[in-house]
N, C-alpha and C. Protein backbone atom coordinates (compact mmCIF):
# COMPACT_ATOMS: atom_id res chain seq x y z
N UNK A 1 -52.27 77.59 49.04
CA UNK A 1 -51.23 76.78 49.61
C UNK A 1 -50.10 76.54 48.61
N UNK A 2 -50.47 76.13 47.42
CA UNK A 2 -49.47 75.85 46.39
C UNK A 2 -48.66 77.11 46.07
N UNK A 3 -49.31 78.26 46.16
CA UNK A 3 -48.61 79.52 45.89
C UNK A 3 -47.48 79.73 46.91
N UNK A 4 -47.74 79.45 48.19
CA UNK A 4 -46.71 79.59 49.22
C UNK A 4 -45.57 78.60 48.99
N UNK A 5 -45.92 77.40 48.58
CA UNK A 5 -44.90 76.39 48.31
C UNK A 5 -44.02 76.85 47.16
N UNK A 6 -44.63 77.39 46.12
CA UNK A 6 -43.88 77.90 44.97
C UNK A 6 -42.94 79.02 45.39
N UNK A 7 -43.40 79.90 46.27
CA UNK A 7 -42.56 81.00 46.75
C UNK A 7 -41.33 80.44 47.47
N UNK A 8 -41.53 79.43 48.32
CA UNK A 8 -40.42 78.84 49.06
C UNK A 8 -39.47 78.11 48.11
N UNK A 9 -40.00 77.33 47.17
CA UNK A 9 -39.16 76.62 46.20
C UNK A 9 -38.33 77.62 45.39
N UNK A 10 -38.97 78.67 44.91
CA UNK A 10 -38.25 79.69 44.13
C UNK A 10 -37.14 80.34 44.96
N UNK A 11 -37.45 80.63 46.22
CA UNK A 11 -36.46 81.25 47.10
C UNK A 11 -35.25 80.33 47.31
N UNK A 12 -35.51 79.06 47.61
CA UNK A 12 -34.40 78.13 47.85
C UNK A 12 -33.55 77.95 46.60
N UNK A 13 -34.17 77.95 45.45
CA UNK A 13 -33.41 77.85 44.20
C UNK A 13 -32.60 79.12 43.94
N UNK A 14 -33.12 80.25 44.36
CA UNK A 14 -32.42 81.51 44.17
C UNK A 14 -31.20 81.60 45.09
N UNK A 15 -31.39 81.26 46.38
CA UNK A 15 -30.28 81.38 47.34
C UNK A 15 -29.42 80.12 47.38
N UNK A 16 -29.87 79.06 46.70
CA UNK A 16 -29.14 77.80 46.62
C UNK A 16 -28.72 77.30 47.99
N UNK A 17 -29.74 77.18 48.85
CA UNK A 17 -29.52 76.76 50.23
C UNK A 17 -30.55 75.69 50.59
N UNK A 18 -30.07 74.65 51.25
CA UNK A 18 -30.98 73.59 51.70
C UNK A 18 -31.84 74.08 52.87
N UNK A 19 -32.97 73.43 53.06
CA UNK A 19 -33.93 73.78 54.10
C UNK A 19 -34.59 72.50 54.59
N UNK A 20 -34.77 72.39 55.90
CA UNK A 20 -35.44 71.18 56.40
C UNK A 20 -36.93 71.21 56.04
N UNK A 21 -37.49 70.02 55.88
CA UNK A 21 -38.93 69.90 55.63
C UNK A 21 -39.70 70.56 56.77
N UNK A 22 -39.24 70.35 58.00
CA UNK A 22 -39.95 70.88 59.17
C UNK A 22 -40.02 72.40 59.13
N UNK A 23 -38.90 73.06 58.83
CA UNK A 23 -38.88 74.53 58.80
C UNK A 23 -39.79 75.07 57.70
N UNK A 24 -39.72 74.46 56.52
CA UNK A 24 -40.54 74.92 55.40
C UNK A 24 -42.03 74.69 55.68
N UNK A 25 -42.34 73.51 56.18
CA UNK A 25 -43.75 73.19 56.46
C UNK A 25 -44.34 74.13 57.51
N UNK A 26 -43.58 74.39 58.56
CA UNK A 26 -44.06 75.28 59.61
C UNK A 26 -44.26 76.70 59.07
N UNK A 27 -43.35 77.17 58.23
CA UNK A 27 -43.48 78.51 57.65
C UNK A 27 -44.72 78.61 56.76
N UNK A 28 -45.03 77.53 56.06
CA UNK A 28 -46.17 77.51 55.14
C UNK A 28 -47.48 77.27 55.89
N UNK A 29 -47.39 76.55 57.00
CA UNK A 29 -48.59 76.26 57.80
C UNK A 29 -49.20 74.90 57.52
N UNK A 30 -48.36 73.94 57.15
CA UNK A 30 -48.83 72.57 56.90
C UNK A 30 -47.87 71.59 57.58
N UNK A 31 -48.20 70.32 57.53
CA UNK A 31 -47.31 69.31 58.12
C UNK A 31 -46.18 68.97 57.14
N UNK A 32 -45.07 68.48 57.66
CA UNK A 32 -43.99 68.05 56.77
C UNK A 32 -44.45 66.98 55.78
N UNK A 33 -45.32 66.08 56.22
CA UNK A 33 -45.83 65.03 55.34
C UNK A 33 -46.66 65.61 54.19
N UNK A 34 -47.47 66.62 54.51
CA UNK A 34 -48.27 67.27 53.46
C UNK A 34 -47.36 67.99 52.47
N UNK A 35 -46.31 68.62 52.97
CA UNK A 35 -45.37 69.30 52.08
C UNK A 35 -44.72 68.31 51.13
N UNK A 36 -44.26 67.20 51.65
CA UNK A 36 -43.63 66.17 50.81
C UNK A 36 -44.58 65.73 49.71
N UNK A 37 -45.82 65.54 50.07
CA UNK A 37 -46.82 65.09 49.10
C UNK A 37 -47.07 66.16 48.02
N UNK A 38 -47.18 67.41 48.45
CA UNK A 38 -47.46 68.50 47.51
C UNK A 38 -46.28 68.83 46.60
N UNK A 39 -45.07 68.50 47.04
CA UNK A 39 -43.90 68.75 46.19
C UNK A 39 -43.84 67.78 45.01
N UNK A 40 -44.45 66.63 45.16
CA UNK A 40 -44.50 65.68 44.05
C UNK A 40 -43.23 64.87 43.89
N UNK A 41 -42.98 64.46 42.66
CA UNK A 41 -41.86 63.57 42.34
C UNK A 41 -40.51 64.24 42.57
N UNK A 42 -39.51 63.45 42.94
CA UNK A 42 -38.17 64.01 43.12
C UNK A 42 -37.65 64.66 41.84
N UNK A 43 -37.11 65.86 41.99
CA UNK A 43 -36.51 66.59 40.87
C UNK A 43 -35.57 67.63 41.44
N UNK A 44 -34.60 68.08 40.67
CA UNK A 44 -33.57 68.99 41.20
C UNK A 44 -34.11 70.24 41.90
N UNK A 45 -35.14 70.87 41.35
CA UNK A 45 -35.59 72.14 41.92
C UNK A 45 -36.25 72.01 43.29
N UNK A 46 -36.62 70.80 43.68
CA UNK A 46 -37.18 70.62 45.04
C UNK A 46 -36.27 69.77 45.92
N UNK A 47 -35.08 69.48 45.44
CA UNK A 47 -34.15 68.67 46.25
C UNK A 47 -33.54 69.49 47.39
N UNK A 48 -33.83 70.77 47.45
CA UNK A 48 -33.35 71.63 48.54
C UNK A 48 -34.00 71.29 49.87
N UNK A 49 -35.13 70.59 49.84
CA UNK A 49 -35.81 70.19 51.07
C UNK A 49 -35.16 68.92 51.59
N UNK A 50 -34.65 69.00 52.82
CA UNK A 50 -33.84 67.90 53.34
C UNK A 50 -34.28 67.45 54.73
N UNK A 51 -33.79 66.29 55.09
CA UNK A 51 -34.01 65.73 56.43
C UNK A 51 -33.17 66.53 57.43
N UNK A 52 -33.72 66.81 58.61
CA UNK A 52 -32.95 67.55 59.61
C UNK A 52 -31.78 66.75 60.18
N UNK A 53 -31.87 65.44 60.12
CA UNK A 53 -30.80 64.62 60.70
C UNK A 53 -29.64 64.38 59.73
N UNK A 54 -29.96 64.15 58.46
CA UNK A 54 -28.90 63.83 57.49
C UNK A 54 -28.48 65.03 56.64
N UNK A 55 -29.37 66.03 56.51
CA UNK A 55 -29.08 67.15 55.61
C UNK A 55 -29.20 66.77 54.15
N UNK A 56 -29.81 65.63 53.90
CA UNK A 56 -29.95 65.09 52.54
C UNK A 56 -31.42 65.07 52.13
N UNK A 57 -31.68 65.25 50.82
CA UNK A 57 -33.05 65.05 50.34
C UNK A 57 -33.40 63.57 50.49
N UNK A 58 -34.62 63.30 50.85
CA UNK A 58 -35.02 61.93 51.13
C UNK A 58 -35.44 61.18 49.87
N UNK A 59 -34.84 60.02 49.68
CA UNK A 59 -35.14 59.12 48.55
C UNK A 59 -34.85 59.74 47.19
N UNK A 60 -33.73 60.43 47.09
CA UNK A 60 -33.33 61.04 45.83
C UNK A 60 -32.11 60.33 45.27
N UNK A 61 -32.15 60.02 43.99
CA UNK A 61 -30.96 59.52 43.30
C UNK A 61 -30.06 60.72 43.04
N UNK A 62 -28.79 60.49 42.86
CA UNK A 62 -27.86 61.61 42.60
C UNK A 62 -28.30 62.43 41.40
N UNK A 63 -28.85 61.78 40.39
CA UNK A 63 -29.27 62.49 39.17
C UNK A 63 -30.49 63.40 39.42
N UNK A 64 -31.19 63.19 40.53
CA UNK A 64 -32.38 64.00 40.85
C UNK A 64 -32.05 65.18 41.76
N UNK A 65 -30.81 65.27 42.22
CA UNK A 65 -30.39 66.34 43.11
C UNK A 65 -29.90 67.54 42.31
N UNK A 66 -30.14 68.72 42.84
CA UNK A 66 -29.66 69.94 42.20
C UNK A 66 -28.13 69.91 42.15
N UNK A 67 -27.52 70.31 41.03
CA UNK A 67 -26.06 70.26 40.91
C UNK A 67 -25.33 71.11 41.97
N UNK A 68 -25.99 72.11 42.51
CA UNK A 68 -25.34 72.98 43.50
C UNK A 68 -25.84 72.73 44.93
N UNK A 69 -26.41 71.54 45.15
CA UNK A 69 -27.01 71.22 46.45
C UNK A 69 -26.03 71.37 47.60
N UNK A 70 -24.77 71.06 47.37
CA UNK A 70 -23.78 71.10 48.45
C UNK A 70 -22.86 72.31 48.35
N UNK A 71 -23.34 73.35 47.69
CA UNK A 71 -22.57 74.58 47.50
C UNK A 71 -22.19 75.19 48.85
N UNK A 72 -23.06 75.05 49.82
CA UNK A 72 -22.81 75.57 51.17
C UNK A 72 -23.22 74.53 52.19
N UNK A 73 -22.61 74.59 53.36
CA UNK A 73 -22.98 73.67 54.44
C UNK A 73 -24.21 74.18 55.18
N UNK A 74 -24.57 75.42 54.93
CA UNK A 74 -25.70 76.05 55.62
C UNK A 74 -27.01 75.35 55.26
N UNK A 75 -27.82 75.13 56.28
CA UNK A 75 -29.16 74.55 56.09
C UNK A 75 -30.12 75.39 56.92
N UNK A 76 -31.19 75.84 56.30
CA UNK A 76 -32.22 76.60 57.03
C UNK A 76 -32.99 75.60 57.89
N UNK A 77 -32.95 75.80 59.20
CA UNK A 77 -33.61 74.88 60.12
C UNK A 77 -34.74 75.53 60.90
N UNK A 78 -34.95 76.82 60.69
CA UNK A 78 -35.97 77.55 61.44
C UNK A 78 -36.97 78.19 60.48
N UNK A 79 -38.23 78.02 60.79
CA UNK A 79 -39.28 78.63 59.97
C UNK A 79 -39.19 80.16 60.03
N UNK A 80 -38.61 80.68 61.11
CA UNK A 80 -38.49 82.14 61.27
C UNK A 80 -37.70 82.76 60.12
N UNK A 81 -36.69 82.06 59.65
CA UNK A 81 -35.86 82.58 58.54
C UNK A 81 -36.72 82.75 57.29
N UNK A 82 -37.50 81.72 56.97
CA UNK A 82 -38.36 81.80 55.77
C UNK A 82 -39.45 82.84 55.94
N UNK A 83 -40.06 82.87 57.12
CA UNK A 83 -41.12 83.85 57.37
C UNK A 83 -40.59 85.26 57.22
N UNK A 84 -39.40 85.50 57.76
CA UNK A 84 -38.80 86.84 57.71
C UNK A 84 -38.42 87.20 56.27
N UNK A 85 -37.75 86.29 55.59
CA UNK A 85 -37.24 86.60 54.25
C UNK A 85 -38.32 86.60 53.17
N UNK A 86 -39.40 85.88 53.41
CA UNK A 86 -40.44 85.75 52.38
C UNK A 86 -41.75 86.40 52.78
N UNK A 87 -41.80 86.99 53.96
CA UNK A 87 -43.03 87.65 54.44
C UNK A 87 -44.21 86.68 54.41
N UNK A 88 -43.99 85.48 54.92
CA UNK A 88 -45.06 84.46 54.95
C UNK A 88 -45.93 84.63 56.19
């Protein structure tokens, strides 16, 4: 499980694109709550996971957000994108 999470985190950091918790969790095969727990403490490399309503990482101080978080308005909202791009 952690290996799949690492693959998704690495991918989001590479493409510098936000992704909803729901899309990532569905692609990995766990609940959004489990994903949040497994990601651990807020830090820039996991701030790409965002709320589907606000497009913001949840409970993150500005200093904990990736400097390029708002580089694009695009947000991955479908697990199909991750499954296709990462062969999950």
